[in-house]
Amino acid sequence: MPKPPVKLHLKLRVGASNAEREAVVRLARDAGASAVRPLFPQTTDEELATLQTVDVDSEAAVPKLLKSLGRHKAVEFVEPEVKRKLKLP
């Protein structure tokens, strides 16, 4: 059974242009991301719309992605997804 992709959370700067957003996606793909997608695809909230999930098929690509994306002026932050175990009542 293949391992699920590693996920990173990325926050773009509010007000980043479409060209900047596209550049970030291109940079992510060039650095090893398999997909970049909105965390809240249906939102109309400007702040929530800046949150993205980056799927990475290879754990070896994660350090390069964190470094490359973290340097881009349109990126507020990028970090590995926190693994949570929620306890439901």
PDB file of N, CA and C in Angstrom:
ATOM      1  N   MET A   1       0.851  -1.183   0.000  1.00  0.00           N
ATOM      2  CA  MET A   1       0.000   0.000   0.000  1.00  0.00           C
ATOM      3  C   MET A   1       0.891   1.239   0.000  1.00  0.00           C
ATOM      4  N   PRO A   2       0.686   2.159  -0.955  1.00  0.00           N
ATOM      5  CA  PRO A   2       1.541   3.343  -1.022  1.00  0.00           C
ATOM      6  C   PRO A   2       1.294   4.284   0.158  1.00  0.00           C
ATOM      7  N   LYS A   3       2.377   4.979   0.534  1.00  0.00           N
ATOM      8  CA  LYS A   3       2.254   5.941   1.629  1.00  0.00           C
ATOM      9  C   LYS A   3       1.438   7.137   1.160  1.00  0.00           C
ATOM     10  N   PRO A   4       0.605   7.693   2.027  1.00  0.00           N
ATOM     11  CA  PRO A   4      -0.129   8.898   1.649  1.00  0.00           C
ATOM     12  C   PRO A   4       0.862  10.054   1.484  1.00  0.00           C
ATOM     13  N   PRO A   5       0.518  11.047   0.687  1.00  0.00           N
ATOM     14  CA  PRO A   5       1.440  12.166   0.499  1.00  0.00           C
ATOM     15  C   PRO A   5       1.637  12.947   1.798  1.00  0.00           C
ATOM     16  N   VAL A   6       2.819  13.522   1.925  1.00  0.00           N
ATOM     17  CA  VAL A   6       3.080  14.451   3.013  1.00  0.00           C
ATOM     18  C   VAL A   6       2.314  15.724   2.677  1.00  0.00           C
ATOM     19  N   LYS A   7       1.787  16.380   3.679  1.00  0.00           N
ATOM     20  CA  LYS A   7       1.050  17.617   3.436  1.00  0.00           C
ATOM     21  C   LYS A   7       1.745  18.775   4.148  1.00  0.00           C
ATOM     22  N   LEU A   8       1.825  19.895   3.438  1.00  0.00           N
ATOM     23  CA  LEU A   8       2.321  21.140   4.010  1.00  0.00           C
ATOM     24  C   LEU A   8       1.181  22.133   3.985  1.00  0.00           C
ATOM     25  N   HIS A   9       1.171  23.030   4.940  1.00  0.00           N
ATOM     26  CA  HIS A   9       0.209  24.129   4.915  1.00  0.00           C
ATOM     27  C   HIS A   9       0.964  25.386   4.537  1.00  0.00           C
ATOM     28  N   LEU A  10       0.376  26.124   3.628  1.00  0.00           N
ATOM     29  CA  LEU A  10       0.977  27.323   3.065  1.00  0.00           C
ATOM     30  C   LEU A  10      -0.010  28.458   3.209  1.00  0.00           C
ATOM     31  N   LYS A  11       0.468  29.604   3.656  1.00  0.00           N
ATOM     32  CA  LYS A  11      -0.393  30.791   3.729  1.00  0.00           C
ATOM     33  C   LYS A  11       0.200  31.855   2.841  1.00  0.00           C
ATOM     34  N   LEU A  12      -0.583  32.261   1.859  1.00  0.00           N
ATOM     35  CA  LEU A  12      -0.172  33.354   0.988  1.00  0.00           C
ATOM     36  C   LEU A  12      -0.476  34.687   1.659  1.00  0.00           C
ATOM     37  N   ARG A  13       0.267  35.689   1.277  1.00  0.00           N
ATOM     38  CA  ARG A  13       0.028  37.035   1.789  1.00  0.00           C
ATOM     39  C   ARG A  13      -1.309  37.526   1.234  1.00  0.00           C
ATOM     40  N   VAL A  14      -2.139  38.129   2.093  1.00  0.00           N
ATOM     41  CA  VAL A  14      -3.398  38.710   1.638  1.00  0.00           C
ATOM     42  C   VAL A  14      -3.038  39.803   0.639  1.00  0.00           C
ATOM     43  N   GLY A  15      -3.695  39.794  -0.486  1.00  0.00           N
ATOM     44  CA  GLY A  15      -3.420  40.788  -1.506  1.00  0.00           C
ATOM     45  C   GLY A  15      -2.398  40.330  -2.540  1.00  0.00           C
ATOM     46  N   ALA A  16      -1.893  39.108  -2.411  1.00  0.00           N
ATOM     47  CA  ALA A  16      -0.966  38.593  -3.417  1.00  0.00           C
ATOM     48  C   ALA A  16      -1.692  38.540  -4.763  1.00  0.00           C
ATOM     49  N   SER A  17      -1.002  38.963  -5.799  1.00  0.00           N
ATOM     50  CA  SER A  17      -1.620  38.988  -7.129  1.00  0.00           C
ATOM     51  C   SER A  17      -1.768  37.573  -7.682  1.00  0.00           C
ATOM     52  N   ASN A  18      -2.585  37.448  -8.716  1.00  0.00           N
ATOM     53  CA  ASN A  18      -2.748  36.142  -9.371  1.00  0.00           C
ATOM     54  C   ASN A  18      -1.410  35.662  -9.926  1.00  0.00           C
ATOM     55  N   ALA A  19      -0.598  36.573 -10.453  1.00  0.00           N
ATOM     56  CA  ALA A  19       0.716  36.207 -10.985  1.00  0.00           C
ATOM     57  C   ALA A  19       1.614  35.673  -9.867  1.00  0.00           C
ATOM     58  N   GLU A  20       1.555  36.279  -8.685  1.00  0.00           N
ATOM     59  CA  GLU A  20       2.345  35.796  -7.546  1.00  0.00           C
ATOM     60  C   GLU A  20       1.858  34.423  -7.098  1.00  0.00           C
ATOM     61  N   ARG A  21       0.548  34.233  -7.053  1.00  0.00           N
ATOM     62  CA  ARG A  21      -0.017  32.933  -6.673  1.00  0.00           C
ATOM     63  C   ARG A  21       0.435  31.851  -7.655  1.00  0.00           C
ATOM     64  N   GLU A  22       0.353  32.156  -8.951  1.00  0.00           N
ATOM     65  CA  GLU A  22       0.773  31.197  -9.971  1.00  0.00           C
ATOM     66  C   GLU A  22       2.267  30.891  -9.853  1.00  0.00           C
ATOM     67  N   ALA A  23       3.072  31.896  -9.531  1.00  0.00           N
ATOM     68  CA  ALA A  23       4.517  31.698  -9.363  1.00  0.00           C
ATOM     69  C   ALA A  23       4.799  30.771  -8.180  1.00  0.00           C
ATOM     70  N   VAL A  24       4.024  30.916  -7.105  1.00  0.00           N
ATOM     71  CA  VAL A  24       4.198  30.054  -5.933  1.00  0.00           C
ATOM     72  C   VAL A  24       3.840  28.611  -6.279  1.00  0.00           C
ATOM     73  N   VAL A  25       2.759  28.412  -7.008  1.00  0.00           N
ATOM     74  CA  VAL A  25       2.353  27.060  -7.409  1.00  0.00           C
ATOM     75  C   VAL A  25       3.422  26.448  -8.316  1.00  0.00           C
ATOM     76  N   ARG A  26       3.927  27.227  -9.267  1.00  0.00           N
ATOM     77  CA  ARG A  26       4.975  26.742 -10.164  1.00  0.00           C
ATOM     78  C   ARG A  26       6.237  26.373  -9.384  1.00  0.00           C
ATOM     79  N   LEU A  27       6.624  27.234  -8.447  1.00  0.00           N
ATOM     80  CA  LEU A  27       7.791  26.979  -7.607  1.00  0.00           C
ATOM     81  C   LEU A  27       7.596  25.696  -6.802  1.00  0.00           C
ATOM     82  N   ALA A  28       6.412  25.516  -6.243  1.00  0.00           N
ATOM     83  CA  ALA A  28       6.121  24.315  -5.455  1.00  0.00           C
ATOM     84  C   ALA A  28       6.235  23.059  -6.320  1.00  0.00           C
ATOM     85  N   ARG A  29       5.673  23.093  -7.504  1.00  0.00           N
ATOM     86  CA  ARG A  29       5.740  21.927  -8.394  1.00  0.00           C
ATOM     87  C   ARG A  29       7.185  21.641  -8.807  1.00  0.00           C
ATOM     88  N   ASP A  30       7.946  22.694  -9.102  1.00  0.00           N
ATOM     89  CA  ASP A  30       9.350  22.521  -9.486  1.00  0.00           C
ATOM     90  C   ASP A  30      10.177  21.939  -8.343  1.00  0.00           C
ATOM     91  N   ALA A  31       9.776  22.225  -7.093  1.00  0.00           N
ATOM     92  CA  ALA A  31      10.517  21.755  -5.919  1.00  0.00           C
ATOM     93  C   ALA A  31      10.040  20.389  -5.427  1.00  0.00           C
ATOM     94  N   GLY A  32       9.030  19.805  -6.084  1.00  0.00           N
ATOM     95  CA  GLY A  32       8.621  18.453  -5.730  1.00  0.00           C
ATOM     96  C   GLY A  32       7.190  18.271  -5.263  1.00  0.00           C
ATOM     97  N   ALA A  33       6.379  19.310  -5.286  1.00  0.00           N
ATOM     98  CA  ALA A  33       4.972  19.164  -4.883  1.00  0.00           C
ATOM     99  C   ALA A  33       4.177  18.484  -5.994  1.00  0.00           C
ATOM    100  N   SER A  34       3.277  17.608  -5.604  1.00  0.00           N
ATOM    101  CA  SER A  34       2.409  16.961  -6.593  1.00  0.00           C
ATOM    102  C   SER A  34       1.123  17.752  -6.806  1.00  0.00           C
ATOM    103  N   ALA A  35       0.749  18.572  -5.825  1.00  0.00           N
ATOM    104  CA  ALA A  35      -0.463  19.394  -5.951  1.00  0.00           C
ATOM    105  C   ALA A  35      -0.415  20.542  -4.951  1.00  0.00           C
ATOM    106  N   VAL A  36      -1.043  21.636  -5.344  1.00  0.00           N
ATOM    107  CA  VAL A  36      -1.264  22.781  -4.458  1.00  0.00           C
ATOM    108  C   VAL A  36      -2.735  23.129  -4.617  1.00  0.00           C
ATOM    109  N   ARG A  37      -3.459  23.109  -3.489  1.00  0.00           N
ATOM    110  CA  ARG A  37      -4.913  23.342  -3.573  1.00  0.00           C
ATOM    111  C   ARG A  37      -5.389  24.146  -2.373  1.00  0.00           C
ATOM    112  N   PRO A  38      -6.477  24.858  -2.547  1.00  0.00           N
ATOM    113  CA  PRO A  38      -7.015  25.646  -1.430  1.00  0.00           C
ATOM    114  C   PRO A  38      -7.447  24.749  -0.271  1.00  0.00           C
ATOM    115  N   LEU A  39      -7.166  25.179   0.941  1.00  0.00           N
ATOM    116  CA  LEU A  39      -7.614  24.462   2.124  1.00  0.00           C
ATOM    117  C   LEU A  39      -9.130  24.602   2.278  1.00  0.00           C
ATOM    118  N   PHE A  40      -9.649  25.775   1.922  1.00  0.00           N
ATOM    119  CA  PHE A  40     -11.096  26.052   1.979  1.00  0.00           C
ATOM    120  C   PHE A  40     -11.546  26.496   0.589  1.00  0.00           C
ATOM    121  N   PRO A  41     -11.787  25.559  -0.326  1.00  0.00           N
ATOM    122  CA  PRO A  41     -12.061  25.928  -1.721  1.00  0.00           C
ATOM    123  C   PRO A  41     -13.320  26.757  -1.952  1.00  0.00           C
ATOM    124  N   GLN A  42     -14.310  26.648  -1.104  1.00  0.00           N
ATOM    125  CA  GLN A  42     -15.573  27.352  -1.326  1.00  0.00           C
ATOM    126  C   GLN A  42     -15.687  28.679  -0.577  1.00  0.00           C
ATOM    127  N   THR A  43     -14.630  29.068   0.139  1.00  0.00           N
ATOM    128  CA  THR A  43     -14.736  30.254   0.983  1.00  0.00           C
ATOM    129  C   THR A  43     -14.805  31.548   0.177  1.00  0.00           C
ATOM    130  N   THR A  44     -15.496  32.501   0.735  1.00  0.00           N
ATOM    131  CA  THR A  44     -15.508  33.847   0.165  1.00  0.00           C
ATOM    132  C   THR A  44     -14.708  34.795   1.059  1.00  0.00           C
ATOM    133  N   ASP A  45     -14.198  34.262   2.178  1.00  0.00           N
ATOM    134  CA  ASP A  45     -13.395  35.057   3.104  1.00  0.00           C
ATOM    135  C   ASP A  45     -11.984  35.227   2.534  1.00  0.00           C
ATOM    136  N   GLU A  46     -11.540  36.464   2.430  1.00  0.00           N
ATOM    137  CA  GLU A  46     -10.240  36.767   1.826  1.00  0.00           C
ATOM    138  C   GLU A  46      -9.081  36.118   2.587  1.00  0.00           C
ATOM    139  N   GLU A  47      -9.158  36.111   3.912  1.00  0.00           N
ATOM    140  CA  GLU A  47      -8.087  35.530   4.731  1.00  0.00           C
ATOM    141  C   GLU A  47      -8.047  34.004   4.575  1.00  0.00           C
ATOM    142  N   LEU A  48      -9.192  33.351   4.653  1.00  0.00           N
ATOM    143  CA  LEU A  48      -9.233  31.889   4.501  1.00  0.00           C
ATOM    144  C   LEU A  48      -8.807  31.453   3.101  1.00  0.00           C
ATOM    145  N   ALA A  49      -9.058  32.287   2.117  1.00  0.00           N
ATOM    146  CA  ALA A  49      -8.695  31.958   0.737  1.00  0.00           C
ATOM    147  C   ALA A  49      -7.183  31.913   0.530  1.00  0.00           C
ATOM    148  N   THR A  50      -6.418  32.461   1.454  1.00  0.00           N
ATOM    149  CA  THR A  50      -4.958  32.455   1.321  1.00  0.00           C
ATOM    150  C   THR A  50      -4.338  31.147   1.796  1.00  0.00           C
ATOM    151  N   LEU A  51      -5.113  30.301   2.467  1.00  0.00           N
ATOM    152  CA  LEU A  51      -4.591  29.050   3.015  1.00  0.00           C
ATOM    153  C   LEU A  51      -4.631  27.949   1.965  1.00  0.00           C
ATOM    154  N   GLN A  52      -3.485  27.296   1.765  1.00  0.00           N
ATOM    155  CA  GLN A  52      -3.341  26.260   0.750  1.00  0.00           C
ATOM    156  C   GLN A  52      -2.780  24.992   1.380  1.00  0.00           C
ATOM    157  N   THR A  53      -3.077  23.858   0.764  1.00  0.00           N
ATOM    158  CA  THR A  53      -2.464  22.591   1.133  1.00  0.00           C
ATOM    159  C   THR A  53      -1.550  22.187  -0.011  1.00  0.00           C
ATOM    160  N   VAL A  54      -0.336  21.803   0.350  1.00  0.00           N
ATOM    161  CA  VAL A  54       0.647  21.353  -0.637  1.00  0.00           C
ATOM    162  C   VAL A  54       0.863  19.856  -0.408  1.00  0.00           C
ATOM    163  N   ASP A  55       0.577  19.054  -1.421  1.00  0.00           N
ATOM    164  CA  ASP A  55       0.802  17.605  -1.344  1.00  0.00           C
ATOM    165  C   ASP A  55       2.187  17.300  -1.897  1.00  0.00           C
ATOM    166  N   VAL A  56       2.922  16.473  -1.149  1.00  0.00           N
ATOM    167  CA  VAL A  56       4.281  16.111  -1.539  1.00  0.00           C
ATOM    168  C   VAL A  56       4.380  14.581  -1.494  1.00  0.00           C
ATOM    169  N   ASP A  57       4.691  13.963  -2.622  1.00  0.00           N
ATOM    170  CA  ASP A  57       4.759  12.505  -2.677  1.00  0.00           C
ATOM    171  C   ASP A  57       6.016  11.947  -2.024  1.00  0.00           C
ATOM    172  N   SER A  58       7.084  12.733  -1.977  1.00  0.00           N
ATOM    173  CA  SER A  58       8.355  12.256  -1.446  1.00  0.00           C
ATOM    174  C   SER A  58       8.781  13.097  -0.239  1.00  0.00           C
ATOM    175  N   GLU A  59       8.994  12.420   0.884  1.00  0.00           N
ATOM    176  CA  GLU A  59       9.453  13.135   2.081  1.00  0.00           C
ATOM    177  C   GLU A  59      10.788  13.824   1.843  1.00  0.00           C
ATOM    178  N   ALA A  60      11.575  13.301   0.918  1.00  0.00           N
ATOM    179  CA  ALA A  60      12.875  13.894   0.611  1.00  0.00           C
ATOM    180  C   ALA A  60      12.734  15.301   0.022  1.00  0.00           C
ATOM    181  N   ALA A  61      11.593  15.613  -0.593  1.00  0.00           N
ATOM    182  CA  ALA A  61      11.381  16.927  -1.203  1.00  0.00           C
ATOM    183  C   ALA A  61      10.944  17.990  -0.193  1.00  0.00           C
ATOM    184  N   VAL A  62      10.524  17.580   0.993  1.00  0.00           N
ATOM    185  CA  VAL A  62       9.979  18.519   1.978  1.00  0.00           C
ATOM    186  C   VAL A  62      10.962  19.623   2.364  1.00  0.00           C
ATOM    187  N   PRO A  63      12.213  19.330   2.715  1.00  0.00           N
ATOM    188  CA  PRO A  63      13.129  20.421   3.094  1.00  0.00           C
ATOM    189  C   PRO A  63      13.312  21.457   1.982  1.00  0.00           C
ATOM    190  N   LYS A  64      13.423  20.983   0.734  1.00  0.00           N
ATOM    191  CA  LYS A  64      13.578  21.908  -0.396  1.00  0.00           C
ATOM    192  C   LYS A  64      12.332  22.779  -0.558  1.00  0.00           C
ATOM    193  N   LEU A  65      11.164  22.183  -0.413  1.00  0.00           N
ATOM    194  CA  LEU A  65       9.913  22.939  -0.518  1.00  0.00           C
ATOM    195  C   LEU A  65       9.808  23.986   0.586  1.00  0.00           C
ATOM    196  N   LEU A  66      10.102  23.588   1.814  1.00  0.00           N
ATOM    197  CA  LEU A  66      10.021  24.537   2.930  1.00  0.00           C
ATOM    198  C   LEU A  66      10.955  25.711   2.706  1.00  0.00           C
ATOM    199  N   LYS A  67      12.157  25.434   2.245  1.00  0.00           N
ATOM    200  CA  LYS A  67      13.142  26.490   2.023  1.00  0.00           C
ATOM    201  C   LYS A  67      12.737  27.381   0.848  1.00  0.00           C
ATOM    202  N   SER A  68      12.396  26.783  -0.284  1.00  0.00           N
ATOM    203  CA  SER A  68      12.052  27.538  -1.486  1.00  0.00           C
ATOM    204  C   SER A  68      10.809  28.403  -1.291  1.00  0.00           C
ATOM    205  N   LEU A  69       9.760  27.775  -0.769  1.00  0.00           N
ATOM    206  CA  LEU A  69       8.503  28.507  -0.600  1.00  0.00           C
ATOM    207  C   LEU A  69       8.614  29.555   0.500  1.00  0.00           C
ATOM    208  N   GLY A  70       9.347  29.236   1.559  1.00  0.00           N
ATOM    209  CA  GLY A  70       9.502  30.184   2.660  1.00  0.00           C
ATOM    210  C   GLY A  70      10.193  31.468   2.267  1.00  0.00           C
ATOM    211  N   ARG A  71      10.955  31.434   1.195  1.00  0.00           N
ATOM    212  CA  ARG A  71      11.670  32.624   0.719  1.00  0.00           C
ATOM    213  C   ARG A  71      10.839  33.506  -0.212  1.00  0.00           C
ATOM    214  N   HIS A  72       9.753  32.979  -0.731  1.00  0.00           N
ATOM    215  CA  HIS A  72       8.968  33.739  -1.713  1.00  0.00           C
ATOM    216  C   HIS A  72       8.232  34.877  -1.028  1.00  0.00           C
ATOM    217  N   LYS A  73       8.242  36.044  -1.645  1.00  0.00           N
ATOM    218  CA  LYS A  73       7.643  37.237  -1.026  1.00  0.00           C
ATOM    219  C   LYS A  73       6.123  37.146  -0.869  1.00  0.00           C
ATOM    220  N   ALA A  74       5.474  36.290  -1.645  1.00  0.00           N
ATOM    221  CA  ALA A  74       4.016  36.156  -1.545  1.00  0.00           C
ATOM    222  C   ALA A  74       3.596  35.169  -0.464  1.00  0.00           C
ATOM    223  N   VAL A  75       4.569  34.465   0.131  1.00  0.00           N
ATOM    224  CA  VAL A  75       4.257  33.435   1.131  1.00  0.00           C
ATOM    225  C   VAL A  75       4.466  33.999   2.528  1.00  0.00           C
ATOM    226  N   GLU A  76       3.411  33.931   3.335  1.00  0.00           N
ATOM    227  CA  GLU A  76       3.502  34.369   4.728  1.00  0.00           C
ATOM    228  C   GLU A  76       4.168  33.287   5.580  1.00  0.00           C
ATOM    229  N   PHE A  77       3.747  32.022   5.384  1.00  0.00           N
ATOM    230  CA  PHE A  77       4.415  30.902   6.050  1.00  0.00           C
ATOM    231  C   PHE A  77       4.119  29.613   5.315  1.00  0.00           C
ATOM    232  N   VAL A  78       4.998  28.632   5.538  1.00  0.00           N
ATOM    233  CA  VAL A  78       4.792  27.269   5.050  1.00  0.00           C
ATOM    234  C   VAL A  78       5.330  26.351   6.129  1.00  0.00           C
ATOM    235  N   GLU A  79       4.538  25.302   6.451  1.00  0.00           N
ATOM    236  CA  GLU A  79       4.931  24.398   7.530  1.00  0.00           C
ATOM    237  C   GLU A  79       4.302  23.029   7.303  1.00  0.00           C
ATOM    238  N   PRO A  80       4.929  21.993   7.861  1.00  0.00           N
ATOM    239  CA  PRO A  80       4.314  20.658   7.759  1.00  0.00           C
ATOM    240  C   PRO A  80       2.968  20.631   8.477  1.00  0.00           C
ATOM    241  N   GLU A  81       2.050  19.856   7.926  1.00  0.00           N
ATOM    242  CA  GLU A  81       0.743  19.677   8.572  1.00  0.00           C
ATOM    243  C   GLU A  81       0.945  18.975   9.920  1.00  0.00           C
ATOM    244  N   VAL A  82       0.284  19.457  10.923  1.00  0.00           N
ATOM    245  CA  VAL A  82       0.354  18.847  12.236  1.00  0.00           C
ATOM    246  C   VAL A  82      -0.568  17.630  12.283  1.00  0.00           C
ATOM    247  N   LYS A  83      -0.021  16.527  12.691  1.00  0.00           N
ATOM    248  CA  LYS A  83      -0.824  15.313  12.838  1.00  0.00           C
ATOM    249  C   LYS A  83      -1.594  15.398  14.154  1.00  0.00           C
ATOM    250  N   ARG A  84      -2.898  15.348  14.070  1.00  0.00           N
ATOM    251  CA  ARG A  84      -3.736  15.441  15.259  1.00  0.00           C
ATOM    252  C   ARG A  84      -4.576  14.177  15.385  1.00  0.00           C
ATOM    253  N   LYS A  85      -4.744  13.753  16.602  1.00  0.00           N
ATOM    254  CA  LYS A  85      -5.659  12.643  16.878  1.00  0.00           C
ATOM    255  C   LYS A  85      -6.794  13.214  17.705  1.00  0.00           C
ATOM    256  N   LEU A  86      -7.888  13.446  17.054  1.00  0.00           N
ATOM    257  CA  LEU A  86      -9.035  14.013  17.725  1.00  0.00           C
ATOM    258  C   LEU A  86      -9.805  12.928  18.464  1.00  0.00           C
ATOM    259  N   LYS A  87     -10.195  13.240  19.666  1.00  0.00           N
ATOM    260  CA  LYS A  87     -11.000  12.305  20.454  1.00  0.00           C
ATOM    261  C   LYS A  87     -12.445  12.785  20.391  1.00  0.00           C
ATOM    262  N   LEU A  88     -13.253  11.957  19.823  1.00  0.00           N
ATOM    263  CA  LEU A  88     -14.666  12.294  19.694  1.00  0.00           C
ATOM    264  C   LEU A  88     -15.429  11.680  20.866  1.00  0.00           C
ATOM    265  N   PRO A  89     -16.436  12.396  21.353  1.00  0.00           N
ATOM    266  CA  PRO A  89     -17.223  11.867  22.468  1.00  0.00           C
ATOM    267  C   PRO A  89     -18.006  10.633  22.097  1.00  0.00           C
TER     268      PRO A  89
END
